[in-house]
Amino acid sequence: MNEVIIRESKYEDRESVHRLLLLIAELHRNGRPDMFGDLVSKYDVNQVGQRLSAEDNGVFVAETDGKVVGYVFCDIISEGNGLTLYIDDLCVDPESRSHGIGTKLLDRAKEYAEEKNCQCVMLNVWEFNENAVEFYKKYGFKTRTRHMEIIL
């Protein structure tokens, strides 16, 4: 794999980012069809375009050979006595995994959190997504809270 560049997203990335969002939706449909059976995408291409058009949008992409192969959506939220960077979504194209791209995207998210004076970085991950759970643990994330359910 050639050099990976992590950069701020731009409006022109909307279709590439949306293509990756479709992959995430498929993963969720397969993992929890009871909850996500009808999910096509978390955001449609127009919503992605609106987000990417915003100044300081908190979205970073991984690019190699001129192609977007991953992204991370970062949101700054007020929490407790400070700010938290919430990773709303992170995806790396399956064909580009195991090359450190997810790590580079998380590194950029942490830098962004520091730039914005956040006290921590937080994310949610579904238990069925075992690869993601292991990736985040390896990166250093720890369980902060636990949501539990009984499926009826």
N, C-alpha and C. Protein backbone atom coordinates (compact mmCIF):
# COMPACT_ATOMS: atom_id res chain seq x y z
N MET A 1 0.85 -1.18 0.00
CA MET A 1 0.00 0.00 0.00
C MET A 1 0.89 1.23 0.00
N ASN A 2 0.52 2.21 -0.81
CA ASN A 2 1.27 3.46 -0.88
C ASN A 2 1.00 4.31 0.35
N GLU A 3 1.63 5.47 0.39
CA GLU A 3 1.51 6.37 1.54
C GLU A 3 0.05 6.72 1.82
N VAL A 4 -0.29 6.73 3.11
CA VAL A 4 -1.62 7.09 3.57
C VAL A 4 -1.55 8.52 4.10
N ILE A 5 -2.44 9.35 3.61
CA ILE A 5 -2.53 10.74 4.04
C ILE A 5 -3.81 10.90 4.84
N ILE A 6 -3.70 11.45 6.04
CA ILE A 6 -4.87 11.80 6.84
C ILE A 6 -5.06 13.30 6.70
N ARG A 7 -6.24 13.69 6.25
CA ARG A 7 -6.49 15.11 5.99
C ARG A 7 -7.92 15.46 6.39
N GLU A 8 -8.15 16.78 6.47
CA GLU A 8 -9.51 17.24 6.70
C GLU A 8 -10.35 16.88 5.49
N SER A 9 -11.57 16.52 5.74
CA SER A 9 -12.47 16.18 4.64
C SER A 9 -12.91 17.43 3.91
N LYS A 10 -13.44 17.21 2.73
CA LYS A 10 -14.01 18.29 1.93
C LYS A 10 -15.28 17.78 1.26
N TYR A 11 -16.07 18.68 0.78
CA TYR A 11 -17.36 18.35 0.18
C TYR A 11 -17.22 17.29 -0.91
N GLU A 12 -16.17 17.36 -1.67
CA GLU A 12 -15.96 16.42 -2.78
C GLU A 12 -15.77 14.98 -2.30
N ASP A 13 -15.55 14.78 -1.02
CA ASP A 13 -15.38 13.43 -0.46
C ASP A 13 -16.71 12.76 -0.13
N ARG A 14 -17.81 13.46 -0.30
CA ARG A 14 -19.10 12.97 0.20
C ARG A 14 -19.49 11.60 -0.34
N GLU A 15 -19.30 11.33 -1.61
CA GLU A 15 -19.70 10.03 -2.16
C GLU A 15 -18.80 8.91 -1.65
N SER A 16 -17.51 9.18 -1.52
CA SER A 16 -16.59 8.17 -1.00
C SER A 16 -16.90 7.85 0.46
N VAL A 17 -17.16 8.88 1.24
CA VAL A 17 -17.51 8.68 2.65
C VAL A 17 -18.84 7.94 2.74
N HIS A 18 -19.80 8.32 1.92
CA HIS A 18 -21.10 7.66 1.95
C HIS A 18 -20.97 6.18 1.58
N ARG A 19 -20.11 5.86 0.63
CA ARG A 19 -19.88 4.46 0.25
C ARG A 19 -19.42 3.65 1.47
N LEU A 20 -18.56 4.23 2.28
CA LEU A 20 -18.08 3.55 3.48
C LEU A 20 -19.19 3.46 4.54
N LEU A 21 -20.02 4.49 4.62
CA LEU A 21 -21.15 4.45 5.54
C LEU A 21 -22.10 3.30 5.19
N LEU A 22 -22.24 3.01 3.91
CA LEU A 22 -23.08 1.89 3.48
C LEU A 22 -22.52 0.56 4.00
N LEU A 23 -21.19 0.44 4.04
CA LEU A 23 -20.56 -0.77 4.58
C LEU A 23 -20.85 -0.93 6.06
N ILE A 24 -20.80 0.18 6.79
CA ILE A 24 -21.10 0.15 8.23
C ILE A 24 -22.56 -0.24 8.45
N ALA A 25 -23.45 0.29 7.64
CA ALA A 25 -24.87 -0.05 7.76
C ALA A 25 -25.08 -1.55 7.54
N GLU A 26 -24.38 -2.12 6.57
CA GLU A 26 -24.50 -3.55 6.31
C GLU A 26 -24.02 -4.36 7.52
N LEU A 27 -22.91 -3.94 8.11
CA LEU A 27 -22.39 -4.60 9.29
C LEU A 27 -23.43 -4.57 10.42
N HIS A 28 -24.08 -3.43 10.61
CA HIS A 28 -25.10 -3.31 11.65
C HIS A 28 -26.34 -4.13 11.33
N ARG A 29 -26.76 -4.14 10.08
CA ARG A 29 -27.92 -4.97 9.69
C ARG A 29 -27.64 -6.44 9.97
N ASN A 30 -26.43 -6.90 9.65
CA ASN A 30 -26.08 -8.30 9.87
C ASN A 30 -25.92 -8.62 11.36
N GLY A 31 -25.37 -7.68 12.11
CA GLY A 31 -25.12 -7.90 13.53
C GLY A 31 -26.35 -7.83 14.40
N ARG A 32 -27.26 -6.92 14.06
CA ARG A 32 -28.49 -6.74 14.83
C ARG A 32 -29.65 -6.46 13.89
N PRO A 33 -30.10 -7.48 13.15
CA PRO A 33 -31.22 -7.25 12.22
C PRO A 33 -32.49 -6.81 12.93
N ASP A 34 -32.64 -7.14 14.21
CA ASP A 34 -33.82 -6.70 14.95
C ASP A 34 -33.86 -5.19 15.10
N MET A 35 -32.70 -4.54 15.13
CA MET A 35 -32.65 -3.09 15.30
C MET A 35 -32.36 -2.35 14.00
N PHE A 36 -31.57 -2.96 13.13
CA PHE A 36 -31.07 -2.26 11.95
C PHE A 36 -31.50 -2.90 10.64
N GLY A 37 -32.52 -3.73 10.67
CA GLY A 37 -32.95 -4.46 9.47
C GLY A 37 -33.25 -3.59 8.27
N ASP A 38 -33.73 -2.37 8.49
CA ASP A 38 -34.08 -1.46 7.40
C ASP A 38 -33.04 -0.37 7.17
N LEU A 39 -31.96 -0.39 7.93
CA LEU A 39 -30.97 0.68 7.83
C LEU A 39 -30.23 0.61 6.50
N VAL A 40 -30.28 1.70 5.78
CA VAL A 40 -29.52 1.80 4.52
C VAL A 40 -28.20 2.48 4.80
N SER A 41 -28.24 3.57 5.55
CA SER A 41 -27.05 4.31 5.93
C SER A 41 -27.41 5.24 7.08
N LYS A 42 -26.45 5.49 7.94
CA LYS A 42 -26.66 6.40 9.06
C LYS A 42 -27.01 7.80 8.56
N TYR A 43 -26.36 8.20 7.48
CA TYR A 43 -26.61 9.50 6.84
C TYR A 43 -26.73 9.27 5.34
N ASP A 44 -27.59 10.04 4.70
CA ASP A 44 -27.63 9.94 3.23
C ASP A 44 -26.53 10.83 2.65
N VAL A 45 -26.34 10.71 1.35
CA VAL A 45 -25.22 11.43 0.71
C VAL A 45 -25.36 12.94 0.85
N ASN A 46 -26.60 13.45 0.87
CA ASN A 46 -26.80 14.90 1.04
C ASN A 46 -26.43 15.34 2.46
N GLN A 47 -26.78 14.53 3.45
CA GLN A 47 -26.40 14.85 4.84
C GLN A 47 -24.89 14.82 5.01
N VAL A 48 -24.25 13.85 4.36
CA VAL A 48 -22.79 13.79 4.41
C VAL A 48 -22.22 15.05 3.78
N GLY A 49 -22.75 15.43 2.63
CA GLY A 49 -22.29 16.64 1.95
C GLY A 49 -22.45 17.88 2.81
N GLN A 50 -23.58 17.97 3.52
CA GLN A 50 -23.80 19.12 4.42
C GLN A 50 -22.77 19.13 5.53
N ARG A 51 -22.50 17.98 6.11
CA ARG A 51 -21.51 17.91 7.19
C ARG A 51 -20.13 18.30 6.67
N LEU A 52 -19.77 17.78 5.50
CA LEU A 52 -18.45 18.05 4.96
C LEU A 52 -18.30 19.49 4.47
N SER A 53 -19.43 20.16 4.23
CA SER A 53 -19.39 21.56 3.80
C SER A 53 -19.18 22.52 4.96
N ALA A 54 -19.48 22.06 6.16
CA ALA A 54 -19.37 22.92 7.33
C ALA A 54 -17.91 23.21 7.64
N GLU A 55 -17.67 24.44 8.08
CA GLU A 55 -16.31 24.81 8.50
C GLU A 55 -15.98 24.08 9.79
N ASP A 56 -14.74 23.63 9.93
CA ASP A 56 -14.29 22.90 11.11
C ASP A 56 -15.26 21.76 11.41
N ASN A 57 -15.50 20.91 10.39
CA ASN A 57 -16.54 19.88 10.47
C ASN A 57 -16.18 18.67 11.32
N GLY A 58 -14.94 18.53 11.73
CA GLY A 58 -14.56 17.42 12.58
C GLY A 58 -14.52 16.07 11.88
N VAL A 59 -14.45 16.10 10.56
CA VAL A 59 -14.37 14.85 9.80
C VAL A 59 -13.01 14.80 9.11
N PHE A 60 -12.32 13.68 9.31
CA PHE A 60 -11.01 13.47 8.69
C PHE A 60 -11.07 12.21 7.85
N VAL A 61 -10.37 12.24 6.74
CA VAL A 61 -10.36 11.08 5.84
C VAL A 61 -8.94 10.57 5.69
N ALA A 62 -8.86 9.28 5.39
CA ALA A 62 -7.60 8.64 5.03
C ALA A 62 -7.63 8.46 3.52
N GLU A 63 -6.57 8.89 2.89
CA GLU A 63 -6.51 8.84 1.43
C GLU A 63 -5.21 8.15 1.00
N THR A 64 -5.31 7.29 0.03
CA THR A 64 -4.14 6.69 -0.57
C THR A 64 -4.39 6.59 -2.08
N ASP A 65 -3.38 6.92 -2.84
CA ASP A 65 -3.49 6.92 -4.31
C ASP A 65 -4.69 7.74 -4.80
N GLY A 66 -4.99 8.84 -4.09
CA GLY A 66 -6.09 9.71 -4.48
C GLY A 66 -7.47 9.17 -4.16
N LYS A 67 -7.55 8.07 -3.41
CA LYS A 67 -8.83 7.45 -3.08
C LYS A 67 -9.05 7.49 -1.57
N VAL A 68 -10.25 7.89 -1.16
CA VAL A 68 -10.62 7.89 0.26
C VAL A 68 -10.86 6.44 0.67
N VAL A 69 -10.09 5.98 1.68
CA VAL A 69 -10.20 4.59 2.14
C VAL A 69 -10.62 4.50 3.61
N GLY A 70 -10.90 5.63 4.23
CA GLY A 70 -11.36 5.62 5.61
C GLY A 70 -11.76 7.01 6.06
N TYR A 71 -12.48 7.07 7.16
CA TYR A 71 -12.89 8.36 7.73
C TYR A 71 -13.12 8.21 9.22
N VAL A 72 -13.15 9.35 9.89
CA VAL A 72 -13.57 9.42 11.28
C VAL A 72 -14.40 10.70 11.44
N PHE A 73 -15.59 10.55 12.04
CA PHE A 73 -16.47 11.68 12.36
C PHE A 73 -16.27 12.02 13.83
N CYS A 74 -15.86 13.25 14.13
CA CYS A 74 -15.61 13.70 15.50
C CYS A 74 -16.59 14.81 15.87
N ASP A 75 -17.19 14.68 17.02
CA ASP A 75 -18.09 15.72 17.54
C ASP A 75 -17.59 16.14 18.91
N ILE A 76 -17.62 17.43 19.18
CA ILE A 76 -17.25 17.97 20.49
C ILE A 76 -18.53 18.15 21.29
N ILE A 77 -18.57 17.54 22.48
CA ILE A 77 -19.75 17.65 23.33
C ILE A 77 -19.33 18.15 24.71
N SER A 78 -20.24 18.88 25.36
CA SER A 78 -20.02 19.29 26.75
C SER A 78 -20.41 18.13 27.64
N GLU A 79 -19.54 17.87 28.61
CA GLU A 79 -19.79 16.74 29.48
C GLU A 79 -19.11 17.01 30.82
N GLY A 80 -19.85 16.88 31.90
CA GLY A 80 -19.26 17.14 33.21
C GLY A 80 -18.71 18.55 33.28
N ASN A 81 -17.44 18.68 33.64
CA ASN A 81 -16.81 19.99 33.77
C ASN A 81 -15.98 20.38 32.57
N GLY A 82 -16.18 19.73 31.44
CA GLY A 82 -15.35 20.06 30.29
C GLY A 82 -15.93 19.56 28.99
N LEU A 83 -15.03 19.37 28.05
CA LEU A 83 -15.42 18.94 26.71
C LEU A 83 -14.90 17.53 26.45
N THR A 84 -15.66 16.79 25.68
CA THR A 84 -15.30 15.45 25.27
C THR A 84 -15.37 15.37 23.76
N LEU A 85 -14.40 14.72 23.16
CA LEU A 85 -14.49 14.44 21.74
C LEU A 85 -15.18 13.09 21.60
N TYR A 86 -16.32 13.10 20.94
CA TYR A 86 -17.09 11.89 20.71
C TYR A 86 -16.86 11.43 19.27
N ILE A 87 -16.35 10.22 19.12
CA ILE A 87 -16.19 9.66 17.77
C ILE A 87 -17.52 9.07 17.37
N ASP A 88 -18.20 9.77 16.48
CA ASP A 88 -19.53 9.38 16.03
C ASP A 88 -19.44 8.18 15.09
N ASP A 89 -18.37 8.08 14.33
CA ASP A 89 -18.25 6.99 13.37
C ASP A 89 -16.81 6.91 12.88
N LEU A 90 -16.34 5.69 12.66
CA LEU A 90 -15.02 5.46 12.09
C LEU A 90 -15.13 4.23 11.19
N CYS A 91 -14.56 4.32 10.00
CA CYS A 91 -14.59 3.18 9.09
C CYS A 91 -13.34 3.20 8.21
N VAL A 92 -12.81 2.01 7.97
CA VAL A 92 -11.74 1.82 7.00
C VAL A 92 -12.24 0.78 6.00
N ASP A 93 -12.05 1.06 4.74
CA ASP A 93 -12.44 0.12 3.69
C ASP A 93 -11.84 -1.25 3.98
N PRO A 94 -12.63 -2.32 3.90
CA PRO A 94 -12.11 -3.66 4.22
C PRO A 94 -10.84 -4.02 3.44
N GLU A 95 -10.72 -3.59 2.22
CA GLU A 95 -9.54 -3.90 1.41
C GLU A 95 -8.30 -3.16 1.89
N SER A 96 -8.48 -2.14 2.73
CA SER A 96 -7.35 -1.32 3.19
C SER A 96 -7.04 -1.54 4.67
N ARG A 97 -7.71 -2.49 5.29
CA ARG A 97 -7.48 -2.74 6.71
C ARG A 97 -6.15 -3.45 6.94
N SER A 98 -5.71 -3.41 8.16
CA SER A 98 -4.45 -4.04 8.62
C SER A 98 -3.22 -3.33 8.07
N HIS A 99 -3.37 -2.03 7.77
CA HIS A 99 -2.24 -1.22 7.33
C HIS A 99 -2.05 0.00 8.23
N GLY A 100 -2.70 0.00 9.40
CA GLY A 100 -2.53 1.09 10.35
C GLY A 100 -3.39 2.32 10.08
N ILE A 101 -4.33 2.21 9.14
CA ILE A 101 -5.14 3.38 8.78
C ILE A 101 -6.08 3.77 9.92
N GLY A 102 -6.72 2.79 10.54
CA GLY A 102 -7.61 3.09 11.67
C GLY A 102 -6.84 3.77 12.80
N THR A 103 -5.65 3.29 13.06
CA THR A 103 -4.81 3.90 14.10
C THR A 103 -4.47 5.34 13.74
N LYS A 104 -4.12 5.58 12.48
CA LYS A 104 -3.81 6.96 12.06
C LYS A 104 -5.03 7.87 12.18
N LEU A 105 -6.20 7.35 11.86
CA LEU A 105 -7.42 8.16 12.01
C LEU A 105 -7.68 8.47 13.49
N LEU A 106 -7.51 7.49 14.36
CA LEU A 106 -7.68 7.75 15.79
C LEU A 106 -6.62 8.71 16.31
N ASP A 107 -5.40 8.59 15.83
CA ASP A 107 -4.35 9.54 16.23
C ASP A 107 -4.77 10.96 15.87
N ARG A 108 -5.33 11.13 14.67
CA ARG A 108 -5.76 12.48 14.24
C ARG A 108 -6.93 12.96 15.09
N ALA A 109 -7.83 12.06 15.43
CA ALA A 109 -8.96 12.43 16.29
C ALA A 109 -8.45 12.89 17.65
N LYS A 110 -7.45 12.20 18.20
CA LYS A 110 -6.87 12.62 19.49
C LYS A 110 -6.21 13.99 19.37
N GLU A 111 -5.49 14.23 18.29
CA GLU A 111 -4.88 15.55 18.07
C GLU A 111 -5.95 16.63 18.02
N TYR A 112 -7.04 16.35 17.31
CA TYR A 112 -8.15 17.29 17.20
C TYR A 112 -8.74 17.55 18.59
N ALA A 113 -8.89 16.49 19.40
CA ALA A 113 -9.41 16.66 20.76
C ALA A 113 -8.50 17.57 21.58
N GLU A 114 -7.20 17.39 21.43
CA GLU A 114 -6.25 18.25 22.15
C GLU A 114 -6.34 19.69 21.66
N GLU A 115 -6.48 19.88 20.35
CA GLU A 115 -6.63 21.23 19.79
C GLU A 115 -7.86 21.93 20.36
N LYS A 116 -8.91 21.15 20.63
CA LYS A 116 -10.17 21.70 21.12
C LYS A 116 -10.27 21.67 22.65
N ASN A 117 -9.15 21.34 23.31
CA ASN A 117 -9.09 21.30 24.78
C ASN A 117 -10.07 20.32 25.41
N CYS A 118 -10.23 19.17 24.78
CA CYS A 118 -11.09 18.13 25.33
C CYS A 118 -10.36 17.38 26.44
N GLN A 119 -11.13 16.85 27.36
CA GLN A 119 -10.56 16.10 28.46
C GLN A 119 -10.45 14.61 28.16
N CYS A 120 -11.19 14.13 27.15
CA CYS A 120 -11.09 12.72 26.78
C CYS A 120 -11.70 12.50 25.39
N VAL A 121 -11.49 11.29 24.90
CA VAL A 121 -12.09 10.85 23.64
C VAL A 121 -12.97 9.66 23.99
N MET A 122 -14.18 9.66 23.45
CA MET A 122 -15.15 8.63 23.78
C MET A 122 -15.79 8.11 22.50
N LEU A 123 -16.23 6.86 22.53
CA LEU A 123 -16.98 6.30 21.41
C LEU A 123 -17.87 5.19 21.92
N ASN A 124 -18.81 4.78 21.10
CA ASN A 124 -19.66 3.62 21.37
C ASN A 124 -19.33 2.57 20.33
N VAL A 125 -19.39 1.32 20.74
CA VAL A 125 -19.17 0.21 19.81
C VAL A 125 -20.13 -0.92 20.20
N TRP A 126 -20.73 -1.53 19.22
CA TRP A 126 -21.65 -2.65 19.45
C TRP A 126 -20.85 -3.90 19.80
N GLU A 127 -21.32 -4.67 20.76
CA GLU A 127 -20.64 -5.90 21.19
C GLU A 127 -20.50 -6.90 20.05
N PHE A 128 -21.45 -6.94 19.12
CA PHE A 128 -21.35 -7.90 18.02
C PHE A 128 -20.18 -7.58 17.09
N ASN A 129 -19.69 -6.36 17.13
CA ASN A 129 -18.59 -5.94 16.25
C ASN A 129 -17.26 -6.25 16.96
N GLU A 130 -16.98 -7.53 17.08
CA GLU A 130 -15.84 -7.99 17.87
C GLU A 130 -14.51 -7.45 17.35
N ASN A 131 -14.36 -7.34 16.03
CA ASN A 131 -13.11 -6.80 15.48
C ASN A 131 -12.89 -5.36 15.93
N ALA A 132 -13.96 -4.57 15.92
CA ALA A 132 -13.84 -3.18 16.36
C ALA A 132 -13.55 -3.10 17.85
N VAL A 133 -14.24 -3.93 18.64
CA VAL A 133 -14.01 -3.93 20.09
C VAL A 133 -12.54 -4.21 20.38
N GLU A 134 -11.98 -5.22 19.73
CA GLU A 134 -10.58 -5.56 19.95
C GLU A 134 -9.63 -4.46 19.47
N PHE A 135 -9.96 -3.86 18.33
CA PHE A 135 -9.14 -2.76 17.81
C PHE A 135 -9.10 -1.60 18.81
N TYR A 136 -10.26 -1.21 19.33
CA TYR A 136 -10.31 -0.09 20.27
C TYR A 136 -9.59 -0.43 21.58
N LYS A 137 -9.74 -1.66 22.05
CA LYS A 137 -9.02 -2.07 23.26
C LYS A 137 -7.51 -1.99 23.02
N LYS A 138 -7.07 -2.50 21.90
CA LYS A 138 -5.64 -2.48 21.58
C LYS A 138 -5.12 -1.04 21.51
N TYR A 139 -5.96 -0.13 21.02
CA TYR A 139 -5.56 1.27 20.94
C TYR A 139 -5.46 1.91 22.32
N GLY A 140 -6.20 1.37 23.29
CA GLY A 140 -6.14 1.91 24.65
C GLY A 140 -7.48 2.33 25.24
N PHE A 141 -8.55 2.18 24.49
CA PHE A 141 -9.87 2.51 25.03
C PHE A 141 -10.25 1.51 26.11
N LYS A 142 -10.95 2.02 27.12
CA LYS A 142 -11.44 1.19 28.22
C LYS A 142 -12.94 1.41 28.35
N THR A 143 -13.62 0.40 28.86
CA THR A 143 -15.07 0.53 29.07
C THR A 143 -15.32 1.59 30.13
N ARG A 144 -16.20 2.51 29.78
CA ARG A 144 -16.53 3.61 30.68
C ARG A 144 -17.88 3.37 31.34
N THR A 145 -18.86 3.01 30.57
CA THR A 145 -20.19 2.66 31.05
C THR A 145 -20.63 1.41 30.29
N ARG A 146 -21.69 0.84 30.74
CA ARG A 146 -22.18 -0.36 30.05
C ARG A 146 -23.69 -0.24 29.91
N HIS A 147 -24.17 -0.40 28.69
CA HIS A 147 -25.62 -0.48 28.44
C HIS A 147 -25.97 -1.95 28.38
N MET A 148 -27.06 -2.32 29.04
CA MET A 148 -27.48 -3.71 29.05
C MET A 148 -28.93 -3.78 28.60
N GLU A 149 -29.33 -4.93 28.06
CA GLU A 149 -30.69 -5.05 27.55
C GLU A 149 -31.20 -6.46 27.74
N ILE A 150 -32.51 -6.58 27.65
CA ILE A 150 -33.20 -7.85 27.51
C ILE A 150 -33.97 -7.75 26.21
N ILE A 151 -33.69 -8.65 25.29
CA ILE A 151 -34.41 -8.62 24.00
C ILE A 151 -35.72 -9.35 24.18
N LEU A 152 -36.80 -8.70 23.80
CA LEU A 152 -38.16 -9.28 23.95
C LEU A 152 -38.63 -9.92 22.66
